[in-house]
C-alpha atoms as a PDB file:
ATOM      1  CA  MET A   1       0.000   0.000   0.000  1.00  0.00           C
ATOM      2  CA  LEU A   2       1.080   3.552  -0.682  1.00  0.00           C
ATOM      3  CA  VAL A   3       0.887   5.618   2.496  1.00  0.00           C
ATOM      4  CA  ASP A   4       2.473   9.059   2.630  1.00  0.00           C
ATOM      5  CA  ASN A   5       4.436  10.674   5.431  1.00  0.00           C
ATOM      6  CA  HIS A   6       1.205  12.179   6.821  1.00  0.00           C
ATOM      7  CA  ASN A   7      -0.477   8.759   7.037  1.00  0.00           C
ATOM      8  CA  ARG A   8      -2.705   9.384   4.017  1.00  0.00           C
ATOM      9  CA  LYS A   9      -3.476   6.308   1.932  1.00  0.00           C
ATOM     10  CA  ILE A  10      -2.828   6.898  -1.778  1.00  0.00           C
ATOM     11  CA  ASN A  11      -5.107   4.848  -4.012  1.00  0.00           C
ATOM     12  CA  TYR A  12      -5.979   7.235  -6.852  1.00  0.00           C
ATOM     13  CA  LEU A  13      -3.750   7.968  -9.846  1.00  0.00           C
ATOM     14  CA  ARG A  14      -4.264  10.780 -12.320  1.00  0.00           C
ATOM     15  CA  LEU A  15      -2.340   9.571 -15.363  1.00  0.00           C
ATOM     16  CA  ALA A  16      -1.677  12.098 -18.129  1.00  0.00           C
ATOM     17  CA  VAL A  17      -1.187  10.630 -21.590  1.00  0.00           C
ATOM     18  CA  THR A  18      -0.306  13.843 -23.436  1.00  0.00           C
ATOM     19  CA  ASP A  19       0.459  17.497 -22.822  1.00  0.00           C
ATOM     20  CA  ARG A  20      -1.263  18.473 -26.058  1.00  0.00           C
ATOM     21  CA  CYS A  21      -4.739  19.955 -26.372  1.00  0.00           C
ATOM     22  CA  ASN A  22      -6.794  21.018 -29.365  1.00  0.00           C
ATOM     23  CA  LEU A  23      -8.369  23.917 -27.430  1.00  0.00           C
ATOM     24  CA  ARG A  24      -6.575  27.049 -26.217  1.00  0.00           C
ATOM     25  CA  CYS A  25      -8.493  27.945 -23.064  1.00  0.00           C
ATOM     26  CA  ASN A  26      -7.290  31.359 -21.972  1.00  0.00           C
ATOM     27  CA  TYR A  27      -6.816  30.377 -18.310  1.00  0.00           C
ATOM     28  CA  CYS A  28      -4.647  27.419 -19.287  1.00  0.00           C
ATOM     29  CA  MET A  29      -2.292  28.552 -22.035  1.00  0.00           C
ATOM     30  CA  PRO A  30      -1.604  31.412 -24.448  1.00  0.00           C
ATOM     31  CA  SER A  31      -3.387  31.540 -27.795  1.00  0.00           C
ATOM     32  CA  GLU A  32      -0.305  30.315 -29.654  1.00  0.00           C
ATOM     33  CA  GLY A  33      -0.077  27.310 -27.355  1.00  0.00           C
ATOM     34  CA  ILE A  34       2.910  26.204 -25.316  1.00  0.00           C
ATOM     35  CA  ASP A  35       6.145  24.445 -26.189  1.00  0.00           C
ATOM     36  CA  PHE A  36       4.720  20.949 -26.300  1.00  0.00           C
ATOM     37  CA  VAL A  37       7.267  18.233 -25.660  1.00  0.00           C
ATOM     38  CA  LYS A  38       8.482  16.096 -28.545  1.00  0.00           C
ATOM     39  CA  ASN A  39       6.754  12.772 -29.015  1.00  0.00           C
ATOM     40  CA  ASP A  40       9.811  10.763 -28.016  1.00  0.00           C
ATOM     41  CA  LYS A  41       9.709  12.457 -24.590  1.00  0.00           C
ATOM     42  CA  LEU A  42       6.155  11.253 -23.934  1.00  0.00           C
ATOM     43  CA  LEU A  43       5.621   7.921 -22.239  1.00  0.00           C
ATOM     44  CA  SER A  44       4.717   5.295 -24.833  1.00  0.00           C
ATOM     45  CA  ILE A  45       1.602   3.173 -24.423  1.00  0.00           C
ATOM     46  CA  ALA A  46       3.819   0.297 -23.265  1.00  0.00           C
ATOM     47  CA  GLU A  47       5.479   2.584 -20.693  1.00  0.00           C
ATOM     48  CA  LEU A  48       2.137   3.975 -19.509  1.00  0.00           C
ATOM     49  CA  THR A  49       0.909   0.400 -19.122  1.00  0.00           C
ATOM     50  CA  LYS A  50       4.015  -0.581 -17.168  1.00  0.00           C
ATOM     51  CA  VAL A  51       3.703   2.401 -14.811  1.00  0.00           C
ATOM     52  CA  SER A  52       0.021   1.624 -14.277  1.00  0.00           C
ATOM     53  CA  LYS A  53       0.691  -2.037 -13.482  1.00  0.00           C
ATOM     54  CA  ILE A  54       3.359  -1.122 -10.951  1.00  0.00           C
ATOM     55  CA  LEU A  55       1.117   1.403  -9.213  1.00  0.00           C
ATOM     56  CA  VAL A  56      -1.884  -0.927  -9.192  1.00  0.00           C
ATOM     57  CA  GLY A  57       0.403  -3.463  -7.567  1.00  0.00           C
ATOM     58  CA  GLN A  58       1.184  -0.844  -4.921  1.00  0.00           C
ATOM     59  CA  GLY A  59      -2.478  -0.288  -4.081  1.00  0.00           C
ATOM     60  CA  ILE A  60      -3.794   2.133  -6.701  1.00  0.00           C
ATOM     61  CA  ASN A  61      -7.353   1.033  -7.482  1.00  0.00           C
ATOM     62  CA  LYS A  62      -8.572   4.092  -9.364  1.00  0.00           C
ATOM     63  CA  ILE A  63      -6.976   5.631 -12.452  1.00  0.00           C
ATOM     64  CA  ARG A  64      -8.223   8.752 -14.183  1.00  0.00           C
ATOM     65  CA  ILE A  65      -6.829   9.392 -17.658  1.00  0.00           C
ATOM     66  CA  THR A  66      -6.066  13.066 -18.260  1.00  0.00           C
ATOM     67  CA  GLY A  67      -4.039  15.290 -20.569  1.00  0.00           C
ATOM     68  CA  GLY A  68      -3.943  17.799 -22.155  1.00  0.00           C
ATOM     69  CA  GLU A  69      -6.806  16.306 -24.082  1.00  0.00           C
ATOM     70  CA  PRO A  70      -6.439  12.496 -23.836  1.00  0.00           C
ATOM     71  CA  PHE A  71      -8.150  11.751 -27.144  1.00  0.00           C
ATOM     72  CA  VAL A  72      -5.498  13.734 -29.020  1.00  0.00           C
ATOM     73  CA  ARG A  73      -3.551  10.468 -28.718  1.00  0.00           C
ATOM     74  CA  LYS A  74      -4.711   8.175 -31.504  1.00  0.00           C
ATOM     75  CA  ASP A  75      -3.525   5.111 -29.537  1.00  0.00           C
ATOM     76  CA  LEU A  76      -5.357   5.960 -26.316  1.00  0.00           C
ATOM     77  CA  MET A  77      -7.821   3.089 -26.630  1.00  0.00           C
ATOM     78  CA  VAL A  78      -4.911   0.616 -26.647  1.00  0.00           C
ATOM     79  CA  LEU A  79      -3.986   1.804 -23.151  1.00  0.00           C
ATOM     80  CA  LEU A  80      -7.590   1.741 -21.959  1.00  0.00           C
ATOM     81  CA  ARG A  81      -7.986  -1.843 -23.156  1.00  0.00           C
ATOM     82  CA  GLU A  82      -4.877  -2.810 -21.188  1.00  0.00           C
ATOM     83  CA  LEU A  83      -6.122  -1.062 -18.069  1.00  0.00           C
ATOM     84  CA  THR A  84      -9.398  -2.978 -18.123  1.00  0.00           C
ATOM     85  CA  LYS A  85      -7.425  -6.232 -17.831  1.00  0.00           C
ATOM     86  CA  MET A  86      -5.637  -5.242 -14.610  1.00  0.00           C
ATOM     87  CA  GLN A  87      -6.685  -7.104 -11.475  1.00  0.00           C
ATOM     88  CA  GLY A  88      -7.272  -4.747  -8.565  1.00  0.00           C
ATOM     89  CA  LEU A  89      -8.062  -1.723 -10.714  1.00  0.00           C
ATOM     90  CA  ASP A  90     -11.680  -1.007  -9.817  1.00  0.00           C
ATOM     91  CA  ASP A  91     -12.296   2.354 -11.469  1.00  0.00           C
ATOM     92  CA  ILE A  92     -11.074   3.726 -14.795  1.00  0.00           C
ATOM     93  CA  SER A  93     -12.277   7.191 -15.734  1.00  0.00           C
ATOM     94  CA  VAL A  94     -11.467   9.881 -18.258  1.00  0.00           C
ATOM     95  CA  THR A  95     -11.383  13.677 -18.197  1.00  0.00           C
ATOM     96  CA  THR A  96     -11.957  15.245 -21.617  1.00  0.00           C
ATOM     97  CA  ASN A  97     -13.058  18.426 -23.336  1.00  0.00           C
ATOM     98  CA  ALA A  98     -15.480  16.243 -25.370  1.00  0.00           C
ATOM     99  CA  THR A  99     -14.308  17.492 -28.761  1.00  0.00           C
ATOM    100  CA  LEU A 100     -12.738  14.217 -29.934  1.00  0.00           C
ATOM    101  CA  ILE A 101     -14.460  11.551 -27.841  1.00  0.00           C
ATOM    102  CA  GLY A 102     -17.321  10.902 -30.289  1.00  0.00           C
ATOM    103  CA  PRO A 103     -15.812   8.001 -32.299  1.00  0.00           C
ATOM    104  CA  TYR A 104     -14.823   6.192 -29.099  1.00  0.00           C
ATOM    105  CA  ILE A 105     -18.036   6.392 -27.083  1.00  0.00           C
ATOM    106  CA  THR A 106     -19.303   2.970 -28.158  1.00  0.00           C
ATOM    107  CA  GLU A 107     -16.075   1.159 -27.264  1.00  0.00           C
ATOM    108  CA  LEU A 108     -15.732   3.029 -23.979  1.00  0.00           C
ATOM    109  CA  LYS A 109     -19.170   1.749 -23.032  1.00  0.00           C
ATOM    110  CA  GLU A 110     -18.255  -1.792 -24.105  1.00  0.00           C
ATOM    111  CA  LEU A 111     -15.124  -1.637 -21.949  1.00  0.00           C
ATOM    112  CA  GLY A 112     -17.150  -0.461 -18.970  1.00  0.00           C
ATOM    113  CA  ILE A 113     -15.402   2.914 -18.844  1.00  0.00           C
ATOM    114  CA  THR A 114     -18.447   5.050 -18.153  1.00  0.00           C
ATOM    115  CA  ASN A 115     -17.141   7.656 -15.694  1.00  0.00           C
ATOM    116  CA  VAL A 116     -16.421  10.699 -17.842  1.00  0.00           C
ATOM    117  CA  ASN A 117     -15.653  14.219 -16.675  1.00  0.00           C
ATOM    118  CA  VAL A 118     -16.310  16.876 -19.303  1.00  0.00           C
ATOM    119  CA  SER A 119     -14.536  20.213 -18.990  1.00  0.00           C
ATOM    120  CA  LEU A 120     -17.136  22.801 -19.964  1.00  0.00           C
ATOM    121  CA  ASP A 121     -16.779  26.378 -18.748  1.00  0.00           C
ATOM    122  CA  SER A 122     -19.836  27.785 -20.504  1.00  0.00           C
ATOM    123  CA  ILE A 123     -23.069  26.613 -22.105  1.00  0.00           C
ATOM    124  CA  ASN A 124     -23.218  29.841 -24.099  1.00  0.00           C
ATOM    125  CA  ARG A 125     -21.666  29.569 -27.548  1.00  0.00           C
ATOM    126  CA  GLU A 126     -20.092  33.035 -27.568  1.00  0.00           C
ATOM    127  CA  THR A 127     -18.590  32.661 -24.109  1.00  0.00           C
ATOM    128  CA  PHE A 128     -17.391  29.131 -24.858  1.00  0.00           C
ATOM    129  CA  GLU A 129     -15.617  30.247 -28.020  1.00  0.00           C
ATOM    130  CA  ARG A 130     -14.110  33.274 -26.313  1.00  0.00           C
ATOM    131  CA  ILE A 131     -12.653  31.140 -23.503  1.00  0.00           C
ATOM    132  CA  THR A 132     -11.521  28.189 -25.643  1.00  0.00           C
ATOM    133  CA  ARG A 133     -10.506  30.280 -28.687  1.00  0.00           C
ATOM    134  CA  ARG A 134     -11.960  27.529 -30.854  1.00  0.00           C
ATOM    135  CA  ASN A 135     -15.208  26.884 -32.765  1.00  0.00           C
ATOM    136  CA  GLN A 136     -16.088  23.549 -31.169  1.00  0.00           C
ATOM    137  CA  PHE A 137     -19.304  24.331 -29.297  1.00  0.00           C
ATOM    138  CA  ASP A 138     -21.606  22.145 -31.400  1.00  0.00           C
ATOM    139  CA  THR A 139     -19.248  19.167 -31.246  1.00  0.00           C
ATOM    140  CA  VAL A 140     -18.946  19.393 -27.476  1.00  0.00           C
ATOM    141  CA  HIS A 141     -22.688  19.855 -27.043  1.00  0.00           C
ATOM    142  CA  ASN A 142     -23.531  16.883 -29.247  1.00  0.00           C
ATOM    143  CA  ASN A 143     -21.011  14.576 -27.593  1.00  0.00           C
ATOM    144  CA  LEU A 144     -22.153  15.655 -24.140  1.00  0.00           C
ATOM    145  CA  ILE A 145     -25.789  14.883 -24.957  1.00  0.00           C
ATOM    146  CA  ARG A 146     -24.765  11.527 -26.385  1.00  0.00           C
ATOM    147  CA  LEU A 147     -22.779  10.603 -23.273  1.00  0.00           C
ATOM    148  CA  ILE A 148     -25.712  11.525 -21.052  1.00  0.00           C
ATOM    149  CA  SER A 149     -28.304   9.741 -23.188  1.00  0.00           C
ATOM    150  CA  GLU A 150     -26.200   6.578 -23.422  1.00  0.00           C
ATOM    151  CA  GLY A 151     -25.985   6.234 -19.653  1.00  0.00           C
ATOM    152  CA  PHE A 152     -22.501   7.460 -18.878  1.00  0.00           C
ATOM    153  CA  ASN A 153     -21.828   8.853 -15.416  1.00  0.00           C
ATOM    154  CA  VAL A 154     -21.132  12.412 -16.548  1.00  0.00           C
ATOM    155  CA  ARG A 155     -19.654  15.152 -14.407  1.00  0.00           C
ATOM    156  CA  ILE A 156     -19.244  18.627 -15.834  1.00  0.00           C
ATOM    157  CA  ASN A 157     -16.246  20.601 -14.614  1.00  0.00           C
ATOM    158  CA  PHE A 158     -16.870  24.351 -14.786  1.00  0.00           C
ATOM    159  CA  ILE A 159     -14.012  26.638 -13.696  1.00  0.00           C
ATOM    160  CA  VAL A 160     -15.489  29.925 -12.480  1.00  0.00           C
ATOM    161  CA  LEU A 161     -13.534  32.724 -14.152  1.00  0.00           C
ATOM    162  CA  ASP A 162     -14.067  36.227 -12.822  1.00  0.00           C
ATOM    163  CA  GLY A 163     -15.311  38.542 -15.563  1.00  0.00           C
ATOM    164  CA  GLN A 164     -15.703  35.737 -18.090  1.00  0.00           C
ATOM    165  CA  ASN A 165     -18.317  33.120 -17.268  1.00  0.00           C
ATOM    166  CA  GLU A 166     -19.862  33.749 -13.850  1.00  0.00           C
ATOM    167  CA  GLN A 167     -23.079  34.717 -15.636  1.00  0.00           C
ATOM    168  CA  ASP A 168     -23.350  31.081 -16.798  1.00  0.00           C
ATOM    169  CA  ILE A 169     -23.311  29.454 -13.354  1.00  0.00           C
ATOM    170  CA  LEU A 170     -27.085  29.578 -12.889  1.00  0.00           C
ATOM    171  CA  PRO A 171     -28.057  28.884 -16.528  1.00  0.00           C
ATOM    172  CA  THR A 172     -25.853  25.781 -16.472  1.00  0.00           C
ATOM    173  CA  LEU A 173     -27.691  24.471 -13.418  1.00  0.00           C
ATOM    174  CA  GLU A 174     -31.020  25.338 -15.011  1.00  0.00           C
ATOM    175  CA  VAL A 175     -30.236  23.383 -18.186  1.00  0.00           C
ATOM    176  CA  MET A 176     -28.714  20.426 -16.380  1.00  0.00           C
ATOM    177  CA  LYS A 177     -31.529  20.078 -13.843  1.00  0.00           C
ATOM    178  CA  HIS A 178     -33.273  17.781 -16.322  1.00  0.00           C
ATOM    179  CA  TYR A 179     -30.373  15.308 -16.454  1.00  0.00           C
ATOM    180  CA  ASN A 180     -28.697  12.952 -14.019  1.00  0.00           C
ATOM    181  CA  VAL A 181     -25.465  14.929 -14.192  1.00  0.00           C
ATOM    182  CA  SER A 182     -23.198  16.434 -11.556  1.00  0.00           C
ATOM    183  CA  VAL A 183     -22.062  19.977 -12.313  1.00  0.00           C
ATOM    184  CA  ARG A 184     -18.926  20.810 -10.339  1.00  0.00           C
ATOM    185  CA  PHE A 185     -17.825  24.421 -10.044  1.00  0.00           C
ATOM    186  CA  LEU A 186     -14.088  24.859  -9.497  1.00  0.00           C
ATOM    187  CA  GLU A 187     -12.193  27.783  -8.102  1.00  0.00           C
ATOM    188  CA  GLU A 188      -9.710  29.235 -10.557  1.00  0.00           C
ATOM    189  CA  MET A 189      -6.100  28.152 -10.041  1.00  0.00           C
ATOM    190  CA  PRO A 190      -2.830  30.055 -10.579  1.00  0.00           C
ATOM    191  CA  PHE A 191      -1.597  28.235 -13.680  1.00  0.00           C
ATOM    192  CA  ASN A 192      -2.016  31.012 -16.202  1.00  0.00           C
ATOM    193  CA  GLY A 193       1.502  32.178 -16.950  1.00  0.00           C
ATOM    194  CA  GLY A 194       1.373  35.186 -14.678  1.00  0.00           C
ATOM    195  CA  SER A 195      -1.414  37.195 -16.293  1.00  0.00           C
ATOM    196  CA  LYS A 196      -3.319  37.723 -13.074  1.00  0.00           C
ATOM    197  CA  ASN A 197      -2.823  38.385  -9.376  1.00  0.00           C
ATOM    198  CA  PHE A 198      -3.585  35.225  -7.439  1.00  0.00           C
ATOM    199  CA  ASN A 199      -3.187  36.357  -3.853  1.00  0.00           C
ATOM    200  CA  SER A 200      -6.948  35.983  -3.633  1.00  0.00           C
ATOM    201  CA  ILE A 201      -9.881  35.207  -5.907  1.00  0.00           C
ATOM    202  CA  LYS A 202     -13.345  36.724  -6.051  1.00  0.00           C
ATOM    203  CA  TRP A 203     -15.159  33.492  -6.861  1.00  0.00           C
ATOM    204  CA  ASN A 204     -14.064  31.260  -4.028  1.00  0.00           C
ATOM    205  CA  HIS A 205     -16.145  28.304  -2.865  1.00  0.00           C
ATOM    206  CA  LYS A 206     -18.155  30.426  -0.422  1.00  0.00           C
ATOM    207  CA  ALA A 207     -19.013  33.035  -3.070  1.00  0.00           C
ATOM    208  CA  ILE A 208     -20.046  30.361  -5.562  1.00  0.00           C
ATOM    209  CA  LEU A 209     -22.359  28.673  -3.062  1.00  0.00           C
ATOM    210  CA  GLU A 210     -23.893  31.982  -1.968  1.00  0.00           C
ATOM    211  CA  HIS A 211     -24.560  32.889  -5.601  1.00  0.00           C
ATOM    212  CA  ILE A 212     -26.324  29.584  -6.214  1.00  0.00           C
ATOM    213  CA  ALA A 213     -28.256  29.740  -2.937  1.00  0.00           C
ATOM    214  CA  ASN A 214     -29.712  33.140  -3.835  1.00  0.00           C
ATOM    215  CA  LYS A 215     -31.383  31.559  -6.863  1.00  0.00           C
ATOM    216  CA  TYR A 216     -31.994  28.073  -5.469  1.00  0.00           C
ATOM    217  CA  PRO A 217     -32.493  28.362  -1.689  1.00  0.00           C
ATOM    218  CA  ASN A 218     -33.978  24.861  -1.444  1.00  0.00           C
ATOM    219  CA  PHE A 219     -30.927  22.654  -1.516  1.00  0.00           C
ATOM    220  CA  LYS A 220     -29.289  20.194   0.834  1.00  0.00           C
ATOM    221  CA  LYS A 221     -25.726  19.147   1.397  1.00  0.00           C
ATOM    222  CA  LEU A 222     -24.995  15.566   0.420  1.00  0.00           C
ATOM    223  CA  GLU A 223     -22.746  13.118   2.211  1.00  0.00           C
ATOM    224  CA  SER A 224     -19.528  12.707   0.239  1.00  0.00           C
ATOM    225  CA  PRO A 225     -16.653  10.222   0.523  1.00  0.00           C
ATOM    226  CA  PRO A 226     -13.906  11.401   2.917  1.00  0.00           C
ATOM    227  CA  THR A 227     -11.456  11.752   0.011  1.00  0.00           C
ATOM    228  CA  SER A 228     -13.806  13.787  -2.183  1.00  0.00           C
ATOM    229  CA  THR A 229     -12.416  17.101  -3.386  1.00  0.00           C
ATOM    230  CA  SER A 230     -15.916  18.452  -3.995  1.00  0.00           C
ATOM    231  CA  VAL A 231     -18.581  19.454  -1.501  1.00  0.00           C
ATOM    232  CA  ASN A 232     -21.794  18.195  -3.079  1.00  0.00           C
ATOM    233  CA  TYR A 233     -25.379  19.442  -2.990  1.00  0.00           C
ATOM    234  CA  LYS A 234     -28.832  18.586  -4.303  1.00  0.00           C
ATOM    235  CA  ILE A 235     -31.377  21.226  -5.341  1.00  0.00           C
ATOM    236  CA  THR A 236     -35.000  20.284  -4.728  1.00  0.00           C
ATOM    237  CA  GLY A 237     -36.620  19.300  -8.012  1.00  0.00           C
ATOM    238  CA  HIS A 238     -33.356  18.879  -9.907  1.00  0.00           C
ATOM    239  CA  LYS A 239     -32.539  15.459 -11.325  1.00  0.00           C
ATOM    240  CA  GLY A 240     -28.810  15.980 -11.005  1.00  0.00           C
ATOM    241  CA  THR A 241     -26.528  17.452  -8.354  1.00  0.00           C
ATOM    242  CA  PHE A 242     -23.882  20.130  -8.103  1.00  0.00           C
ATOM    243  CA  GLY A 243     -20.593  20.323  -6.310  1.00  0.00           C
ATOM    244  CA  ILE A 244     -18.011  22.966  -5.486  1.00  0.00           C
ATOM    245  CA  ILE A 245     -14.290  22.184  -5.595  1.00  0.00           C
ATOM    246  CA  PRO A 246     -12.142  24.587  -3.529  1.00  0.00           C
ATOM    247  CA  SER A 247      -9.104  24.038  -5.728  1.00  0.00           C
ATOM    248  CA  PHE A 248      -7.546  27.400  -4.830  1.00  0.00           C
ATOM    249  CA  SER A 249      -8.636  27.455  -1.178  1.00  0.00           C
ATOM    250  CA  ARG A 250      -7.410  23.846  -0.802  1.00  0.00           C
ATOM    251  CA  THR A 251      -9.618  22.822   2.102  1.00  0.00           C
ATOM    252  CA  PHE A 252      -9.450  19.119   1.156  1.00  0.00           C
ATOM    253  CA  CYS A 253      -5.699  18.505   1.534  1.00  0.00           C
ATOM    254  CA  GLY A 254      -6.037  16.607   4.807  1.00  0.00           C
ATOM    255  CA  SER A 255      -7.702  13.662   3.087  1.00  0.00           C
ATOM    256  CA  CYS A 256      -5.913  13.780  -0.283  1.00  0.00           C
ATOM    257  CA  ASN A 257      -5.489  10.305  -1.782  1.00  0.00           C
ATOM    258  CA  ARG A 258      -4.061  11.323  -5.170  1.00  0.00           C
ATOM    259  CA  LEU A 259      -0.871  10.853  -7.064  1.00  0.00           C
ATOM    260  CA  ARG A 260      -0.094  12.307 -10.491  1.00  0.00           C
ATOM    261  CA  VAL A 261       2.135  11.000 -13.245  1.00  0.00           C
ATOM    262  CA  THR A 262       2.587  13.383 -16.152  1.00  0.00           C
ATOM    263  CA  ALA A 263       2.808  12.435 -19.810  1.00  0.00           C
ATOM    264  CA  THR A 264       6.597  12.713 -19.590  1.00  0.00           C
ATOM    265  CA  GLY A 265       6.797  10.486 -16.521  1.00  0.00           C
ATOM    266  CA  ASP A 266       7.153  13.067 -13.749  1.00  0.00           C
ATOM    267  CA  VAL A 267       5.784  11.964 -10.386  1.00  0.00           C
ATOM    268  CA  ILE A 268       3.813  14.820  -8.818  1.00  0.00           C
ATOM    269  CA  THR A 269       2.525  14.340  -5.293  1.00  0.00           C
ATOM    270  CA  CYS A 270       0.664  17.662  -5.205  1.00  0.00           C
ATOM    271  CA  LEU A 271      -0.721  19.750  -8.029  1.00  0.00           C
ATOM    272  CA  TYR A 272       0.907  22.814  -6.484  1.00  0.00           C
ATOM    273  CA  GLY A 273       4.307  21.203  -5.906  1.00  0.00           C
ATOM    274  CA  LYS A 274       7.315  20.343  -8.032  1.00  0.00           C
ATOM    275  CA  PRO A 275       7.907  16.886  -9.551  1.00  0.00           C
ATOM    276  CA  LYS A 276       9.566  14.452  -7.150  1.00  0.00           C
ATOM    277  CA  ALA A 277      10.987  11.971  -9.655  1.00  0.00           C
ATOM    278  CA  ASN A 278      10.887  10.935 -13.308  1.00  0.00           C
ATOM    279  CA  LEU A 279       9.863   7.387 -14.186  1.00  0.00           C
ATOM    280  CA  ARG A 280      10.537   7.701 -17.926  1.00  0.00           C
ATOM    281  CA  SER A 281      14.263   8.134 -17.397  1.00  0.00           C
ATOM    282  CA  LEU A 282      14.347   5.131 -15.070  1.00  0.00           C
ATOM    283  CA  ILE A 283      12.426   2.913 -17.481  1.00  0.00           C
ATOM    284  CA  ARG A 284      14.545   3.901 -20.470  1.00  0.00           C
ATOM    285  CA  SER A 285      17.787   3.427 -18.583  1.00  0.00           C
ATOM    286  CA  GLY A 286      16.777  -0.175 -17.934  1.00  0.00           C
ATOM    287  CA  SER A 287      16.107   0.180 -14.211  1.00  0.00           C
ATOM    288  CA  ALA A 288      14.548  -2.817 -12.533  1.00  0.00           C
ATOM    289  CA  GLU A 289      10.905  -2.744 -11.490  1.00  0.00           C
ATOM    290  CA  THR A 290      12.037  -2.760  -7.873  1.00  0.00           C
ATOM    291  CA  ASP A 291      13.858   0.521  -8.497  1.00  0.00           C
ATOM    292  CA  LEU A 292      10.711   2.102  -9.928  1.00  0.00           C
ATOM    293  CA  LYS A 293       8.692   0.937  -6.931  1.00  0.00           C
ATOM    294  CA  LYS A 294      11.312   2.325  -4.560  1.00  0.00           C
ATOM    295  CA  THR A 295      11.310   5.680  -6.369  1.00  0.00           C
ATOM    296  CA  ILE A 296       7.531   5.921  -6.112  1.00  0.00           C
ATOM    297  CA  LEU A 297       7.607   5.022  -2.418  1.00  0.00           C
ATOM    298  CA  GLU A 298      10.255   7.676  -1.758  1.00  0.00           C
ATOM    299  CA  ALA A 299       8.210  10.323  -3.595  1.00  0.00           C
ATOM    300  CA  VAL A 300       5.043   9.466  -1.683  1.00  0.00           C
ATOM    301  CA  GLY A 301       7.030   9.426   1.557  1.00  0.00           C
ATOM    302  CA  ASN A 302       8.192  12.999   0.999  1.00  0.00           C
ATOM    303  CA  ARG A 303       4.869  14.666   0.405  1.00  0.00           C
ATOM    304  CA  ALA A 304       3.814  18.180   1.407  1.00  0.00           C
ATOM    305  CA  LYS A 305       1.059  18.267   3.998  1.00  0.00           C
ATOM    306  CA  THR A 306      -0.999  20.859   2.111  1.00  0.00           C
ATOM    307  CA  GLY A 307      -1.119  22.584  -1.250  1.00  0.00           C
ATOM    308  CA  PHE A 308       0.068  25.779   0.412  1.00  0.00           C
ATOM    309  CA  GLU A 309       3.149  24.024   1.746  1.00  0.00           C
ATOM    310  CA  ALA A 310       3.770  22.470  -1.663  1.00  0.00           C
ATOM    311  CA  GLN A 311       3.474  25.872  -3.328  1.00  0.00           C
ATOM    312  CA  ASN A 312       6.481  27.023  -1.298  1.00  0.00           C
ATOM    313  CA  GLU A 313       8.590  24.722  -3.476  1.00  0.00           C
ATOM    314  CA  HIS A 314       8.176  27.367  -6.191  1.00  0.00           C
ATOM    315  CA  SER A 315       9.730  30.811  -6.197  1.00  0.00           C
ATOM    316  CA  LYS A 316       6.479  32.604  -7.015  1.00  0.00           C
ATOM    317  CA  THR A 317       2.749  32.245  -6.501  1.00  0.00           C
ATOM    318  CA  ILE A 318       1.742  32.193 -10.181  1.00  0.00           C
ATOM    319  CA  PHE A 319       3.099  29.325 -12.233  1.00  0.00           C
ATOM    320  CA  ASP A 320       4.367  29.726 -15.778  1.00  0.00           C
ATOM    321  CA  ASN A 321       3.602  26.122 -16.615  1.00  0.00           C
ATOM    322  CA  SER A 322       0.262  25.282 -18.166  1.00  0.00           C
ATOM    323  CA  MET A 323      -2.222  22.994 -16.474  1.00  0.00           C
ATOM    324  CA  THR A 324      -2.009  20.849 -19.580  1.00  0.00           C
ATOM    325  CA  SER A 325       1.644  20.084 -18.881  1.00  0.00           C
ATOM    326  CA  ILE A 326       1.044  18.776 -15.359  1.00  0.00           C
ATOM    327  CA  GLY A 327      -1.941  16.568 -15.944  1.00  0.00           C
ATOM    328  CA  GLY A 328      -4.782  18.765 -14.717  1.00  0.00           C
END
C-alpha cells in the first residue's frame, strides 16, 4: 500500500497521456499554445501500461486518464484496453473536453469505462468560443448529450472565471436540472503564466455557493466520501446534483489520496508542488521494477502536507507552466 508521510493512503492515480490539447483555453495557455514536448519524450503506451501495473500493484485502485486532451492520442484506446485487464483496478475514468471523444463512445461503453468528466466552462456559444478560442461548441454539445443519453456517469467541470463566465453558473444548473449529471464548479487556479494576481480570488467556494443559494435556496448538502475534493449538494426538483471544488482554497488537503504521473513520466505528489521523480528516465535506462517501486515510495514518503506548503517549493505564486503540462 502507498501511504504518505502524513499517514494518508494513496489509491488514486491521475495519469496524463499527453500534454497536447486542441483547445486554447485562456486560463490554461496562451493563444499560440505552449512548447509541447516532442513525441519521443512522452511515455509510450507500453510505458504507460508498465507504470500503471506497478502502481496498481502498490495499491492504486482508481486511475483517471487526463491530458492535455487524452483523445489527441490516436492510440489511447490501446492503453484503456490494457487497463481494463488489470486485477485490482476497480475504477477507470477519463477527463476530456469532449471534442474528440465521439468516435470512441461505443467502445468506452463496451469496456465499462463510463465515468467521464467533461470540462465545460460555458453553455453559451459566444462565451465558450471566447474562452476556448476555438469553434467547437456544437461538437462538445452533441457529444455531451450523447454521453448523457447513453448512460454514462457524466460530471461537468466548470471553472469559475471572474469577468468571463460567472453569468453562466445559474443557466448551467437550469439546463442540467433535467439530467442525471453532476455539475462541479471549481475555483480558478494560478496556472495562467502570470497574467493575473492570485493572492486571492473573487469566486471562491463560499461566493459560488452563496450565488447559487440566492437563486436556489432549497438545496441540501450531500454526504460525500472522505477523500472527495468536492462538496456536493442537491437542489430540490433537480434530477442531477452540483458540487463545489475549492481548488484554490485547498480545504481538502487533509484527506488527499491522489498521485499524479505526467505524460513525460514526472511523479507529482501535489498539483501545487514540483515533480519528485521521473519514471521515464528510469524505465529507459533499464532500471529494474524494484527501483521504480522504490522511487515511487520515496516520492510518496516525501509529500507536502498541504497545497500551500507544496506551493512554497516554487519561487512565485503564479506558475508559468500550463495545467495541460502537469496533468490537470
